[in-house]
Amino acid sequence: YFGTVTFVYVLPKSTFSSDQKKVASVFYNVIIPMLNPVIYSL
């Protein structure tokens, strides 16, 4: 979570392209909420 949040919101905009930011946002908004119950259950 913090790794993805840092990538999306903390690192300078010029470091990565908008497409890379969008992929990171997918991970942050879509994939991590699915992974958390799996991580804690397994």
Full PDB file with SEQRES, HELIX, SHEET, SSBOND, CRYST1, ORIGX, SCALE, CONECT and MASTER records, all heavy atoms in Angstrom:
SEQRES   1 A   42  TYR PHE GLY THR VAL THR PHE VAL TYR VAL LEU PRO LYS          
SEQRES   2 A   42  SER THR PHE SER SER ASP GLN LYS LYS VAL ALA SER VAL          
SEQRES   3 A   42  PHE TYR ASN VAL ILE ILE PRO MET LEU ASN PRO VAL ILE          
SEQRES   4 A   42  TYR SER LEU                                                  
HELIX    1 AA1 PHE A    2  VAL A    5  1                                   4    
HELIX    2 AA2 THR A    6  VAL A   10  3                                   5    
HELIX    3 AA3 LYS A   13  THR A   15  5                                   3    
HELIX    4 AA4 SER A   18  VAL A   26  1                                   9    
HELIX    5 AA5 PHE A   27  ILE A   31  3                                   5    
HELIX    6 AA6 ILE A   32  SER A   41  1                                  10    
CRYST1    1.000    1.000    1.000  90.00  90.00  90.00 P 1           1          
ORIGX1      1.000000  0.000000  0.000000        0.00000                         
ORIGX2      0.000000  1.000000  0.000000        0.00000                         
ORIGX3      0.000000  0.000000  1.000000        0.00000                         
SCALE1      1.000000  0.000000  0.000000        0.00000                         
SCALE2      0.000000  1.000000  0.000000        0.00000                         
SCALE3      0.000000  0.000000  1.000000        0.00000                         
ATOM      1  N   TYR A   1       0.816  -1.211   0.000  1.00  0.00           N  
ATOM      2  CA  TYR A   1       0.000   0.000   0.000  1.00  0.00           C  
ATOM      3  C   TYR A   1       0.853   1.265   0.000  1.00  0.00           C  
ATOM      4  O   TYR A   1       0.703   2.136  -0.865  1.00  0.00           O  
ATOM      5  CB  TYR A   1      -0.940   0.006   1.202  1.00  0.00           C  
ATOM      6  CG  TYR A   1      -1.930   1.153   1.167  1.00  0.00           C  
ATOM      7  CD1 TYR A   1      -3.056   1.087   0.361  1.00  0.00           C  
ATOM      8  CD2 TYR A   1      -1.731   2.301   1.916  1.00  0.00           C  
ATOM      9  CE1 TYR A   1      -3.965   2.131   0.297  1.00  0.00           C  
ATOM     10  CE2 TYR A   1      -2.634   3.353   1.868  1.00  0.00           C  
ATOM     11  CZ  TYR A   1      -3.744   3.256   1.061  1.00  0.00           C  
ATOM     12  OH  TYR A   1      -4.634   4.306   1.001  1.00  0.00           O  
ATOM     13  N   PHE A   2       1.758   1.377   0.962  1.00  0.00           N  
ATOM     14  CA  PHE A   2       2.564   2.590   1.053  1.00  0.00           C  
ATOM     15  C   PHE A   2       3.514   2.724  -0.135  1.00  0.00           C  
ATOM     16  O   PHE A   2       3.811   3.830  -0.589  1.00  0.00           O  
ATOM     17  CB  PHE A   2       3.348   2.617   2.363  1.00  0.00           C  
ATOM     18  CG  PHE A   2       2.525   3.004   3.559  1.00  0.00           C  
ATOM     19  CD1 PHE A   2       2.496   2.215   4.692  1.00  0.00           C  
ATOM     20  CD2 PHE A   2       1.758   4.161   3.543  1.00  0.00           C  
ATOM     21  CE1 PHE A   2       1.741   2.570   5.794  1.00  0.00           C  
ATOM     22  CE2 PHE A   2       0.989   4.525   4.637  1.00  0.00           C  
ATOM     23  CZ  PHE A   2       0.984   3.729   5.771  1.00  0.00           C  
ATOM     24  N   GLY A   3       3.983   1.593  -0.655  1.00  0.00           N  
ATOM     25  CA  GLY A   3       4.840   1.643  -1.835  1.00  0.00           C  
ATOM     26  C   GLY A   3       4.106   2.226  -3.032  1.00  0.00           C  
ATOM     27  O   GLY A   3       4.633   3.090  -3.741  1.00  0.00           O  
ATOM     28  N   THR A   4       2.857   1.769  -3.229  1.00  0.00           N  
ATOM     29  CA  THR A   4       2.072   2.265  -4.356  1.00  0.00           C  
ATOM     30  C   THR A   4       1.649   3.725  -4.154  1.00  0.00           C  
ATOM     31  O   THR A   4       1.691   4.523  -5.087  1.00  0.00           O  
ATOM     32  CB  THR A   4       0.807   1.397  -4.536  1.00  0.00           C  
ATOM     33  OG1 THR A   4       1.188   0.027  -4.561  1.00  0.00           O  
ATOM     34  CG2 THR A   4       0.110   1.735  -5.834  1.00  0.00           C  
ATOM     35  N   VAL A   5       1.234   4.065  -2.924  1.00  0.00           N  
ATOM     36  CA  VAL A   5       0.826   5.442  -2.626  1.00  0.00           C  
ATOM     37  C   VAL A   5       1.987   6.406  -2.856  1.00  0.00           C  
ATOM     38  O   VAL A   5       1.811   7.490  -3.425  1.00  0.00           O  
ATOM     39  CB  VAL A   5       0.319   5.547  -1.171  1.00  0.00           C  
ATOM     40  CG1 VAL A   5       0.215   7.001  -0.739  1.00  0.00           C  
ATOM     41  CG2 VAL A   5      -1.042   4.884  -1.038  1.00  0.00           C  
ATOM     42  N   THR A   6       3.175   6.000  -2.432  1.00  0.00           N  
ATOM     43  CA  THR A   6       4.361   6.842  -2.638  1.00  0.00           C  
ATOM     44  C   THR A   6       4.628   7.035  -4.124  1.00  0.00           C  
ATOM     45  O   THR A   6       4.937   8.146  -4.582  1.00  0.00           O  
ATOM     46  CB  THR A   6       5.592   6.202  -1.969  1.00  0.00           C  
ATOM     47  OG1 THR A   6       5.324   6.043  -0.570  1.00  0.00           O  
ATOM     48  CG2 THR A   6       6.830   7.069  -2.155  1.00  0.00           C  
ATOM     49  N   PHE A   7       4.483   5.961  -4.897  1.00  0.00           N  
ATOM     50  CA  PHE A   7       4.708   6.028  -6.346  1.00  0.00           C  
ATOM     51  C   PHE A   7       3.727   6.988  -7.002  1.00  0.00           C  
ATOM     52  O   PHE A   7       4.092   7.800  -7.855  1.00  0.00           O  
ATOM     53  CB  PHE A   7       4.554   4.627  -6.946  1.00  0.00           C  
ATOM     54  CG  PHE A   7       4.808   4.558  -8.424  1.00  0.00           C  
ATOM     55  CD1 PHE A   7       6.077   4.317  -8.909  1.00  0.00           C  
ATOM     56  CD2 PHE A   7       3.773   4.735  -9.332  1.00  0.00           C  
ATOM     57  CE1 PHE A   7       6.313   4.257 -10.287  1.00  0.00           C  
ATOM     58  CE2 PHE A   7       3.988   4.675 -10.696  1.00  0.00           C  
ATOM     59  CZ  PHE A   7       5.269   4.429 -11.174  1.00  0.00           C  
ATOM     60  N   VAL A   8       2.446   6.920  -6.583  1.00  0.00           N  
ATOM     61  CA  VAL A   8       1.392   7.711  -7.243  1.00  0.00           C  
ATOM     62  C   VAL A   8       1.401   9.158  -6.795  1.00  0.00           C  
ATOM     63  O   VAL A   8       1.271  10.081  -7.607  1.00  0.00           O  
ATOM     64  CB  VAL A   8       0.007   7.080  -6.981  1.00  0.00           C  
ATOM     65  CG1 VAL A   8      -1.103   7.955  -7.552  1.00  0.00           C  
ATOM     66  CG2 VAL A   8      -0.067   5.686  -7.599  1.00  0.00           C  
ATOM     67  N   TYR A   9       1.575   9.403  -5.483  1.00  0.00           N  
ATOM     68  CA  TYR A   9       1.315  10.737  -4.949  1.00  0.00           C  
ATOM     69  C   TYR A   9       2.529  11.496  -4.421  1.00  0.00           C  
ATOM     70  O   TYR A   9       2.444  12.698  -4.206  1.00  0.00           O  
ATOM     71  CB  TYR A   9       0.275  10.650  -3.824  1.00  0.00           C  
ATOM     72  CG  TYR A   9      -1.080  10.198  -4.315  1.00  0.00           C  
ATOM     73  CD1 TYR A   9      -1.560   8.923  -4.025  1.00  0.00           C  
ATOM     74  CD2 TYR A   9      -1.868  11.029  -5.094  1.00  0.00           C  
ATOM     75  CE1 TYR A   9      -2.791   8.493  -4.499  1.00  0.00           C  
ATOM     76  CE2 TYR A   9      -3.111  10.604  -5.574  1.00  0.00           C  
ATOM     77  CZ  TYR A   9      -3.557   9.342  -5.263  1.00  0.00           C  
ATOM     78  OH  TYR A   9      -4.781   8.930  -5.736  1.00  0.00           O  
ATOM     79  N   VAL A  10       3.640  10.807  -4.198  1.00  0.00           N  
ATOM     80  CA  VAL A  10       4.789  11.481  -3.579  1.00  0.00           C  
ATOM     81  C   VAL A  10       5.912  11.763  -4.575  1.00  0.00           C  
ATOM     82  O   VAL A  10       6.481  12.853  -4.588  1.00  0.00           O  
ATOM     83  CB  VAL A  10       5.337  10.648  -2.389  1.00  0.00           C  
ATOM     84  CG1 VAL A  10       6.567  11.319  -1.783  1.00  0.00           C  
ATOM     85  CG2 VAL A  10       4.249  10.478  -1.324  1.00  0.00           C  
ATOM     86  N   LEU A  11       6.231  10.780  -5.421  1.00  0.00           N  
ATOM     87  CA  LEU A  11       7.336  10.967  -6.363  1.00  0.00           C  
ATOM     88  C   LEU A  11       7.015  12.075  -7.368  1.00  0.00           C  
ATOM     89  O   LEU A  11       5.849  12.288  -7.714  1.00  0.00           O  
ATOM     90  CB  LEU A  11       7.621   9.658  -7.104  1.00  0.00           C  
ATOM     91  CG  LEU A  11       8.134   8.492  -6.246  1.00  0.00           C  
ATOM     92  CD1 LEU A  11       8.365   7.260  -7.104  1.00  0.00           C  
ATOM     93  CD2 LEU A  11       9.426   8.870  -5.523  1.00  0.00           C  
ATOM     94  N   PRO A  12       8.023  12.806  -7.838  1.00  0.00           N  
ATOM     95  CA  PRO A  12       7.799  13.902  -8.803  1.00  0.00           C  
ATOM     96  C   PRO A  12       7.098  13.418 -10.068  1.00  0.00           C  
ATOM     97  O   PRO A  12       7.312  12.297 -10.534  1.00  0.00           O  
ATOM     98  CB  PRO A  12       9.225  14.381  -9.123  1.00  0.00           C  
ATOM     99  CG  PRO A  12      10.046  13.952  -7.958  1.00  0.00           C  
ATOM    100  CD  PRO A  12       9.433  12.675  -7.458  1.00  0.00           C  
ATOM    101  N   LYS A  13       6.244  14.269 -10.624  1.00  0.00           N  
ATOM    102  CA  LYS A  13       5.477  13.912 -11.827  1.00  0.00           C  
ATOM    103  C   LYS A  13       6.376  13.571 -13.009  1.00  0.00           C  
ATOM    104  O   LYS A  13       6.046  12.737 -13.851  1.00  0.00           O  
ATOM    105  CB  LYS A  13       4.539  15.059 -12.213  1.00  0.00           C  
ATOM    106  CG  LYS A  13       3.464  15.348 -11.184  1.00  0.00           C  
ATOM    107  CD  LYS A  13       2.607  16.509 -11.645  1.00  0.00           C  
ATOM    108  CE  LYS A  13       1.546  16.861 -10.609  1.00  0.00           C  
ATOM    109  NZ  LYS A  13       0.721  18.020 -11.036  1.00  0.00           N  
ATOM    110  N   SER A  14       7.516  14.245 -13.087  1.00  0.00           N  
ATOM    111  CA  SER A  14       8.399  14.048 -14.232  1.00  0.00           C  
ATOM    112  C   SER A  14       9.117  12.701 -14.199  1.00  0.00           C  
ATOM    113  O   SER A  14       9.681  12.267 -15.203  1.00  0.00           O  
ATOM    114  CB  SER A  14       9.446  15.172 -14.274  1.00  0.00           C  
ATOM    115  OG  SER A  14      10.189  15.195 -13.066  1.00  0.00           O  
ATOM    116  N   THR A  15       9.085  12.015 -13.055  1.00  0.00           N  
ATOM    117  CA  THR A  15       9.800  10.751 -12.914  1.00  0.00           C  
ATOM    118  C   THR A  15       9.180   9.645 -13.760  1.00  0.00           C  
ATOM    119  O   THR A  15       9.878   8.811 -14.327  1.00  0.00           O  
ATOM    120  CB  THR A  15       9.824  10.313 -11.434  1.00  0.00           C  
ATOM    121  OG1 THR A  15      10.305  11.401 -10.631  1.00  0.00           O  
ATOM    122  CG2 THR A  15      10.742   9.107 -11.240  1.00  0.00           C  
ATOM    123  N   PHE A  16       7.845   9.632 -13.846  1.00  0.00           N  
ATOM    124  CA  PHE A  16       7.149   8.567 -14.561  1.00  0.00           C  
ATOM    125  C   PHE A  16       6.086   9.161 -15.489  1.00  0.00           C  
ATOM    126  O   PHE A  16       5.601  10.266 -15.270  1.00  0.00           O  
ATOM    127  CB  PHE A  16       6.492   7.596 -13.572  1.00  0.00           C  
ATOM    128  CG  PHE A  16       7.455   6.969 -12.613  1.00  0.00           C  
ATOM    129  CD1 PHE A  16       7.615   7.491 -11.331  1.00  0.00           C  
ATOM    130  CD2 PHE A  16       8.212   5.876 -12.985  1.00  0.00           C  
ATOM    131  CE1 PHE A  16       8.507   6.922 -10.451  1.00  0.00           C  
ATOM    132  CE2 PHE A  16       9.102   5.299 -12.110  1.00  0.00           C  
ATOM    133  CZ  PHE A  16       9.269   5.828 -10.833  1.00  0.00           C  
ATOM    134  N   SER A  17       5.720   8.392 -16.510  1.00  0.00           N  
ATOM    135  CA  SER A  17       4.710   8.845 -17.463  1.00  0.00           C  
ATOM    136  C   SER A  17       3.310   8.723 -16.855  1.00  0.00           C  
ATOM    137  O   SER A  17       3.107   8.026 -15.851  1.00  0.00           O  
ATOM    138  CB  SER A  17       4.783   8.009 -18.740  1.00  0.00           C  
ATOM    139  OG  SER A  17       4.388   6.668 -18.489  1.00  0.00           O  
ATOM    140  N   SER A  18       2.335   9.369 -17.495  1.00  0.00           N  
ATOM    141  CA  SER A  18       0.953   9.312 -17.018  1.00  0.00           C  
ATOM    142  C   SER A  18       0.396   7.891 -17.114  1.00  0.00           C  
ATOM    143  O   SER A  18      -0.406   7.475 -16.273  1.00  0.00           O  
ATOM    144  CB  SER A  18       0.078  10.274 -17.821  1.00  0.00           C  
ATOM    145  OG  SER A  18       0.119   9.953 -19.205  1.00  0.00           O  
ATOM    146  N   ASP A  19       0.823   7.133 -18.136  1.00  0.00           N  
ATOM    147  CA  ASP A  19       0.361   5.751 -18.274  1.00  0.00           C  
ATOM    148  C   ASP A  19       0.874   4.883 -17.126  1.00  0.00           C  
ATOM    149  O   ASP A  19       0.152   4.009 -16.620  1.00  0.00           O  
ATOM    150  CB  ASP A  19       0.812   5.162 -19.614  1.00  0.00           C  
ATOM    151  CG  ASP A  19       0.053   5.741 -20.791  1.00  0.00           C  
ATOM    152  OD1 ASP A  19      -1.057   6.259 -20.569  1.00  0.00           O  
ATOM    153  OD2 ASP A  19       0.565   5.693 -21.921  1.00  0.00           O  
ATOM    154  N   GLN A  20       2.116   5.094 -16.706  1.00  0.00           N  
ATOM    155  CA  GLN A  20       2.662   4.353 -15.573  1.00  0.00           C  
ATOM    156  C   GLN A  20       1.928   4.702 -14.286  1.00  0.00           C  
ATOM    157  O   GLN A  20       1.677   3.842 -13.438  1.00  0.00           O  
ATOM    158  CB  GLN A  20       4.160   4.639 -15.432  1.00  0.00           C  
ATOM    159  CG  GLN A  20       5.013   4.019 -16.537  1.00  0.00           C  
ATOM    160  CD  GLN A  20       6.466   4.455 -16.463  1.00  0.00           C  
ATOM    161  OE1 GLN A  20       6.769   5.616 -16.211  1.00  0.00           O  
ATOM    162  NE2 GLN A  20       7.368   3.510 -16.677  1.00  0.00           N  
ATOM    163  N   LYS A  21       1.575   5.977 -14.135  1.00  0.00           N  
ATOM    164  CA  LYS A  21       0.813   6.411 -12.963  1.00  0.00           C  
ATOM    165  C   LYS A  21      -0.567   5.756 -12.954  1.00  0.00           C  
ATOM    166  O   LYS A  21      -1.087   5.382 -11.894  1.00  0.00           O  
ATOM    167  CB  LYS A  21       0.658   7.929 -12.969  1.00  0.00           C  
ATOM    168  CG  LYS A  21       1.954   8.699 -12.733  1.00  0.00           C  
ATOM    169  CD  LYS A  21       2.241   8.844 -11.259  1.00  0.00           C  
ATOM    170  CE  LYS A  21       3.439   9.774 -11.031  1.00  0.00           C  
ATOM    171  NZ  LYS A  21       3.716   9.998  -9.606  1.00  0.00           N  
ATOM    172  N   LYS A  22      -1.174   5.624 -14.123  1.00  0.00           N  
ATOM    173  CA  LYS A  22      -2.494   5.001 -14.209  1.00  0.00           C  
ATOM    174  C   LYS A  22      -2.426   3.528 -13.806  1.00  0.00           C  
ATOM    175  O   LYS A  22      -3.316   3.030 -13.107  1.00  0.00           O  
ATOM    176  CB  LYS A  22      -3.069   5.148 -15.624  1.00  0.00           C  
ATOM    177  CG  LYS A  22      -3.620   6.527 -15.922  1.00  0.00           C  
ATOM    178  CD  LYS A  22      -4.498   6.544 -17.161  1.00  0.00           C  
ATOM    179  CE  LYS A  22      -3.699   6.540 -18.427  1.00  0.00           C  
ATOM    180  NZ  LYS A  22      -4.560   6.716 -19.629  1.00  0.00           N  
ATOM    181  N   VAL A  23      -1.395   2.839 -14.246  1.00  0.00           N  
ATOM    182  CA  VAL A  23      -1.226   1.430 -13.874  1.00  0.00           C  
ATOM    183  C   VAL A  23      -1.043   1.305 -12.365  1.00  0.00           C  
ATOM    184  O   VAL A  23      -1.625   0.418 -11.717  1.00  0.00           O  
ATOM    185  CB  VAL A  23      -0.024   0.814 -14.626  1.00  0.00           C  
ATOM    186  CG1 VAL A  23       0.279  -0.579 -14.093  1.00  0.00           C  
ATOM    187  CG2 VAL A  23      -0.293   0.756 -16.119  1.00  0.00           C  
ATOM    188  N   ALA A  24      -0.249   2.210 -11.779  1.00  0.00           N  
ATOM    189  CA  ALA A  24      -0.051   2.204 -10.332  1.00  0.00           C  
ATOM    190  C   ALA A  24      -1.362   2.490  -9.599  1.00  0.00           C  
ATOM    191  O   ALA A  24      -1.633   1.915  -8.538  1.00  0.00           O  
ATOM    192  CB  ALA A  24       1.007   3.232  -9.941  1.00  0.00           C  
ATOM    193  N   SER A  25      -2.193   3.376 -10.172  1.00  0.00           N  
ATOM    194  CA  SER A  25      -3.491   3.687  -9.567  1.00  0.00           C  
ATOM    195  C   SER A  25      -4.426   2.483  -9.604  1.00  0.00           C  
ATOM    196  O   SER A  25      -5.237   2.290  -8.693  1.00  0.00           O  
ATOM    197  CB  SER A  25      -4.141   4.876 -10.291  1.00  0.00           C  
ATOM    198  OG  SER A  25      -3.402   6.056 -10.090  1.00  0.00           O  
ATOM    199  N   VAL A  26      -4.332   1.679 -10.664  1.00  0.00           N  
ATOM    200  CA  VAL A  26      -5.112   0.436 -10.731  1.00  0.00           C  
ATOM    201  C   VAL A  26      -4.729  -0.469  -9.568  1.00  0.00           C  
ATOM    202  O   VAL A  26      -5.585  -1.056  -8.885  1.00  0.00           O  
ATOM    203  CB  VAL A  26      -4.889  -0.298 -12.073  1.00  0.00           C  
ATOM    204  CG1 VAL A  26      -5.530  -1.684 -12.042  1.00  0.00           C  
ATOM    205  CG2 VAL A  26      -5.452   0.507 -13.226  1.00  0.00           C  
ATOM    206  N   PHE A  27      -3.437  -0.559  -9.317  1.00  0.00           N  
ATOM    207  CA  PHE A  27      -2.955  -1.404  -8.221  1.00  0.00           C  
ATOM    208  C   PHE A  27      -3.454  -0.869  -6.884  1.00  0.00           C  
ATOM    209  O   PHE A  27      -3.908  -1.623  -6.020  1.00  0.00           O  
ATOM    210  CB  PHE A  27      -1.422  -1.418  -8.243  1.00  0.00           C  
ATOM    211  CG  PHE A  27      -0.827  -2.612  -7.565  1.00  0.00           C  
ATOM    212  CD1 PHE A  27      -0.785  -3.838  -8.197  1.00  0.00           C  
ATOM    213  CD2 PHE A  27      -0.316  -2.508  -6.280  1.00  0.00           C  
ATOM    214  CE1 PHE A  27      -0.250  -4.948  -7.565  1.00  0.00           C  
ATOM    215  CE2 PHE A  27       0.227  -3.605  -5.636  1.00  0.00           C  
ATOM    216  CZ  PHE A  27       0.262  -4.836  -6.282  1.00  0.00           C  
ATOM    217  N   TYR A  28      -3.426   0.448  -6.727  1.00  0.00           N  
ATOM    218  CA  TYR A  28      -3.786   1.108  -5.474  1.00  0.00           C  
ATOM    219  C   TYR A  28      -5.285   1.074  -5.209  1.00  0.00           C  
ATOM    220  O   TYR A  28      -5.726   0.782  -4.083  1.00  0.00           O  
ATOM    221  CB  TYR A  28      -3.258   2.554  -5.540  1.00  0.00           C  
ATOM    222  CG  TYR A  28      -3.865   3.554  -4.601  1.00  0.00           C  
ATOM    223  CD1 TYR A  28      -3.568   3.521  -3.241  1.00  0.00           C  
ATOM    224  CD2 TYR A  28      -4.699   4.566  -5.062  1.00  0.00           C  
ATOM    225  CE1 TYR A  28      -4.112   4.461  -2.378  1.00  0.00           C  
ATOM    226  CE2 TYR A  28      -5.235   5.507  -4.209  1.00  0.00           C  
ATOM    227  CZ  TYR A  28      -4.935   5.445  -2.864  1.00  0.00           C  
ATOM    228  OH  TYR A  28      -5.474   6.375  -2.017  1.00  0.00           O  
ATOM    229  N   ASN A  29      -6.094   1.328  -6.231  1.00  0.00           N  
ATOM    230  CA  ASN A  29      -7.548   1.423  -6.057  1.00  0.00           C  
ATOM    231  C   ASN A  29      -8.300   0.121  -6.292  1.00  0.00           C  
ATOM    232  O   ASN A  29      -9.409  -0.039  -5.776  1.00  0.00           O  
ATOM    233  CB  ASN A  29      -8.141   2.474  -7.008  1.00  0.00           C  
ATOM    234  CG  ASN A  29      -7.832   3.893  -6.588  1.00  0.00           C  
ATOM    235  OD1 ASN A  29      -6.952   4.530  -7.162  1.00  0.00           O  
ATOM    236  ND2 ASN A  29      -8.525   4.398  -5.598  1.00  0.00           N  
ATOM    237  N   VAL A  30      -7.719  -0.781  -7.070  1.00  0.00           N  
ATOM    238  CA  VAL A  30      -8.458  -1.975  -7.502  1.00  0.00           C  
ATOM    239  C   VAL A  30      -7.865  -3.263  -6.936  1.00  0.00           C  
ATOM    240  O   VAL A  30      -8.599  -4.095  -6.367  1.00  0.00           O  
ATOM    241  CB  VAL A  30      -8.493  -2.055  -9.049  1.00  0.00           C  
ATOM    242  CG1 VAL A  30      -9.253  -3.296  -9.504  1.00  0.00           C  
ATOM    243  CG2 VAL A  30      -9.125  -0.794  -9.639  1.00  0.00           C  
ATOM    244  N   ILE A  31      -6.560  -3.439  -7.079  1.00  0.00           N  
ATOM    245  CA  ILE A  31      -5.951  -4.726  -6.740  1.00  0.00           C  
ATOM    246  C   ILE A  31      -5.688  -4.880  -5.243  1.00  0.00           C  
ATOM    247  O   ILE A  31      -5.989  -5.927  -4.650  1.00  0.00           O  
ATOM    248  CB  ILE A  31      -4.655  -4.931  -7.547  1.00  0.00           C  
ATOM    249  CG1 ILE A  31      -4.979  -4.971  -9.038  1.00  0.00           C  
ATOM    250  CG2 ILE A  31      -3.948  -6.222  -7.126  1.00  0.00           C  
ATOM    251  CD1 ILE A  31      -3.779  -5.087  -9.945  1.00  0.00           C  
ATOM    252  N   ILE A  32      -5.124  -3.852  -4.597  1.00  0.00           N  
ATOM    253  CA  ILE A  32      -4.808  -3.961  -3.163  1.00  0.00           C  
ATOM    254  C   ILE A  32      -6.054  -4.233  -2.314  1.00  0.00           C  
ATOM    255  O   ILE A  32      -5.997  -5.071  -1.403  1.00  0.00           O  
ATOM    256  CB  ILE A  32      -4.048  -2.712  -2.681  1.00  0.00           C  
ATOM    257  CG1 ILE A  32      -2.620  -2.726  -3.240  1.00  0.00           C  
ATOM    258  CG2 ILE A  32      -4.022  -2.631  -1.154  1.00  0.00           C  
ATOM    259  CD1 ILE A  32      -1.778  -1.532  -2.852  1.00  0.00           C  
ATOM    260  N   PRO A  33      -7.203  -3.575  -2.555  1.00  0.00           N  
ATOM    261  CA  PRO A  33      -8.398  -3.928  -1.777  1.00  0.00           C  
ATOM    262  C   PRO A  33      -8.811  -5.386  -1.924  1.00  0.00           C  
ATOM    263  O   PRO A  33      -9.438  -5.946  -1.029  1.00  0.00           O  
ATOM    264  CB  PRO A  33      -9.473  -2.995  -2.366  1.00  0.00           C  
ATOM    265  CG  PRO A  33      -8.719  -1.800  -2.830  1.00  0.00           C  
ATOM    266  CD  PRO A  33      -7.433  -2.368  -3.389  1.00  0.00           C  
ATOM    267  N   MET A  34      -8.474  -6.017  -3.056  1.00  0.00           N  
ATOM    268  CA  MET A  34      -8.754  -7.437  -3.222  1.00  0.00           C  
ATOM    269  C   MET A  34      -7.725  -8.289  -2.486  1.00  0.00           C  
ATOM    270  O   MET A  34      -8.053  -9.328  -1.897  1.00  0.00           O  
ATOM    271  CB  MET A  34      -8.731  -7.816  -4.712  1.00  0.00           C  
ATOM    272  CG  MET A  34      -8.939  -9.296  -4.971  1.00  0.00           C  
ATOM    273  SD  MET A  34      -8.393  -9.845  -6.610  1.00  0.00           S  
ATOM    274  CE  MET A  34      -6.608  -9.672  -6.489  1.00  0.00           C  
ATOM    275  N   LEU A  35      -6.460  -7.850  -2.481  1.00  0.00           N  
ATOM    276  CA  LEU A  35      -5.384  -8.644  -1.906  1.00  0.00           C  
ATOM    277  C   LEU A  35      -5.414  -8.704  -0.382  1.00  0.00           C  
ATOM    278  O   LEU A  35      -5.025  -9.714   0.212  1.00  0.00           O  
ATOM    279  CB  LEU A  35      -4.028  -8.096  -2.360  1.00  0.00           C  
ATOM    280  CG  LEU A  35      -3.643  -8.305  -3.828  1.00  0.00           C  
ATOM    281  CD1 LEU A  35      -2.286  -7.676  -4.111  1.00  0.00           C  
ATOM    282  CD2 LEU A  35      -3.609  -9.788  -4.163  1.00  0.00           C  
ATOM    283  N   ASN A  36      -5.846  -7.620   0.270  1.00  0.00           N  
ATOM    284  CA  ASN A  36      -5.773  -7.568   1.734  1.00  0.00           C  
ATOM    285  C   ASN A  36      -6.471  -8.735   2.430  1.00  0.00           C  
ATOM    286  O   ASN A  36      -5.865  -9.375   3.299  1.00  0.00           O  
ATOM    287  CB  ASN A  36      -6.302  -6.229   2.251  1.00  0.00           C  
ATOM    288  CG  ASN A  36      -5.251  -5.135   2.165  1.00  0.00           C  
ATOM    289  OD1 ASN A  36      -4.056  -5.403   2.046  1.00  0.00           O  
ATOM    290  ND2 ASN A  36      -5.682  -3.891   2.222  1.00  0.00           N  
ATOM    291  N   PRO A  37      -7.742  -9.053   2.103  1.00  0.00           N  
ATOM    292  CA  PRO A  37      -8.358 -10.214   2.765  1.00  0.00           C  
ATOM    293  C   PRO A  37      -7.645 -11.525   2.444  1.00  0.00           C  
ATOM    294  O   PRO A  37      -7.584 -12.419   3.287  1.00  0.00           O  
ATOM    295  CB  PRO A  37      -9.796 -10.217   2.227  1.00  0.00           C  
ATOM    296  CG  PRO A  37      -9.779  -9.375   1.009  1.00  0.00           C  
ATOM    297  CD  PRO A  37      -8.698  -8.366   1.211  1.00  0.00           C  
ATOM    298  N   VAL A  38      -7.091 -11.633   1.228  1.00  0.00           N  
ATOM    299  CA  VAL A  38      -6.349 -12.843   0.857  1.00  0.00           C  
ATOM    300  C   VAL A  38      -5.071 -12.953   1.689  1.00  0.00           C  
ATOM    301  O   VAL A  38      -4.750 -14.011   2.246  1.00  0.00           O  
ATOM    302  CB  VAL A  38      -6.002 -12.825  -0.647  1.00  0.00           C  
ATOM    303  CG1 VAL A  38      -5.137 -14.029  -1.007  1.00  0.00           C  
ATOM    304  CG2 VAL A  38      -7.263 -12.801  -1.489  1.00  0.00           C  
ATOM    305  N   ILE A  39      -4.341 -11.845   1.812  1.00  0.00           N  
ATOM    306  CA  ILE A  39      -3.092 -11.820   2.577  1.00  0.00           C  
ATOM    307  C   ILE A  39      -3.342 -12.200   4.034  1.00  0.00           C  
ATOM    308  O   ILE A  39      -2.670 -13.068   4.599  1.00  0.00           O  
ATOM    309  CB  ILE A  39      -2.430 -10.428   2.497  1.00  0.00           C  
ATOM    310  CG1 ILE A  39      -1.914 -10.157   1.088  1.00  0.00           C  
ATOM    311  CG2 ILE A  39      -1.281 -10.312   3.504  1.00  0.00           C  
ATOM    312  CD1 ILE A  39      -1.479  -8.714   0.863  1.00  0.00           C  
ATOM    313  N   TYR A  40      -4.331 -11.567   4.654  1.00  0.00           N  
ATOM    314  CA  TYR A  40      -4.585 -11.814   6.074  1.00  0.00           C  
ATOM    315  C   TYR A  40      -5.196 -13.175   6.329  1.00  0.00           C  
ATOM    316  O   TYR A  40      -4.997 -13.760   7.401  1.00  0.00           O  
ATOM    317  CB  TYR A  40      -5.487 -10.713   6.644  1.00  0.00           C  
ATOM    318  CG  TYR A  40      -4.747  -9.429   6.914  1.00  0.00           C  
ATOM    319  CD1 TYR A  40      -4.824  -8.361   6.029  1.00  0.00           C  
ATOM    320  CD2 TYR A  40      -3.951  -9.291   8.042  1.00  0.00           C  
ATOM    321  CE1 TYR A  40      -4.136  -7.178   6.267  1.00  0.00           C  
ATOM    322  CE2 TYR A  40      -3.253  -8.113   8.289  1.00  0.00           C  
ATOM    323  CZ  TYR A  40      -3.354  -7.064   7.399  1.00  0.00           C  
ATOM    324  OH  TYR A  40      -2.655  -5.904   7.633  1.00  0.00           O  
ATOM    325  N   SER A  41      -5.936 -13.719   5.378  1.00  0.00           N  
ATOM    326  CA  SER A  41      -6.551 -15.034   5.563  1.00  0.00           C  
ATOM    327  C   SER A  41      -5.537 -16.163   5.403  1.00  0.00           C  
ATOM    328  O   SER A  41      -5.474 -17.077   6.217  1.00  0.00           O  
ATOM    329  CB  SER A  41      -7.705 -15.229   4.572  1.00  0.00           C  
ATOM    330  OG  SER A  41      -8.694 -14.259   4.785  1.00  0.00           O  
ATOM    331  N   LEU A  42      -4.732 -16.078   4.345  1.00  0.00           N  
ATOM    332  CA  LEU A  42      -3.781 -17.156   4.065  1.00  0.00           C  
ATOM    333  C   LEU A  42      -2.658 -17.218   5.089  1.00  0.00           C  
ATOM    334  O   LEU A  42      -2.086 -18.278   5.338  1.00  0.00           O  
ATOM    335  CB  LEU A  42      -3.196 -16.986   2.659  1.00  0.00           C  
ATOM    336  CG  LEU A  42      -4.181 -17.166   1.495  1.00  0.00           C  
ATOM    337  CD1 LEU A  42      -3.468 -16.953   0.169  1.00  0.00           C  
ATOM    338  CD2 LEU A  42      -4.818 -18.555   1.532  1.00  0.00           C  
TER     339      LEU A  42                                                      
MASTER        0    0    0    6    0    0    0    6  338    1    0    4          
END                                                                             
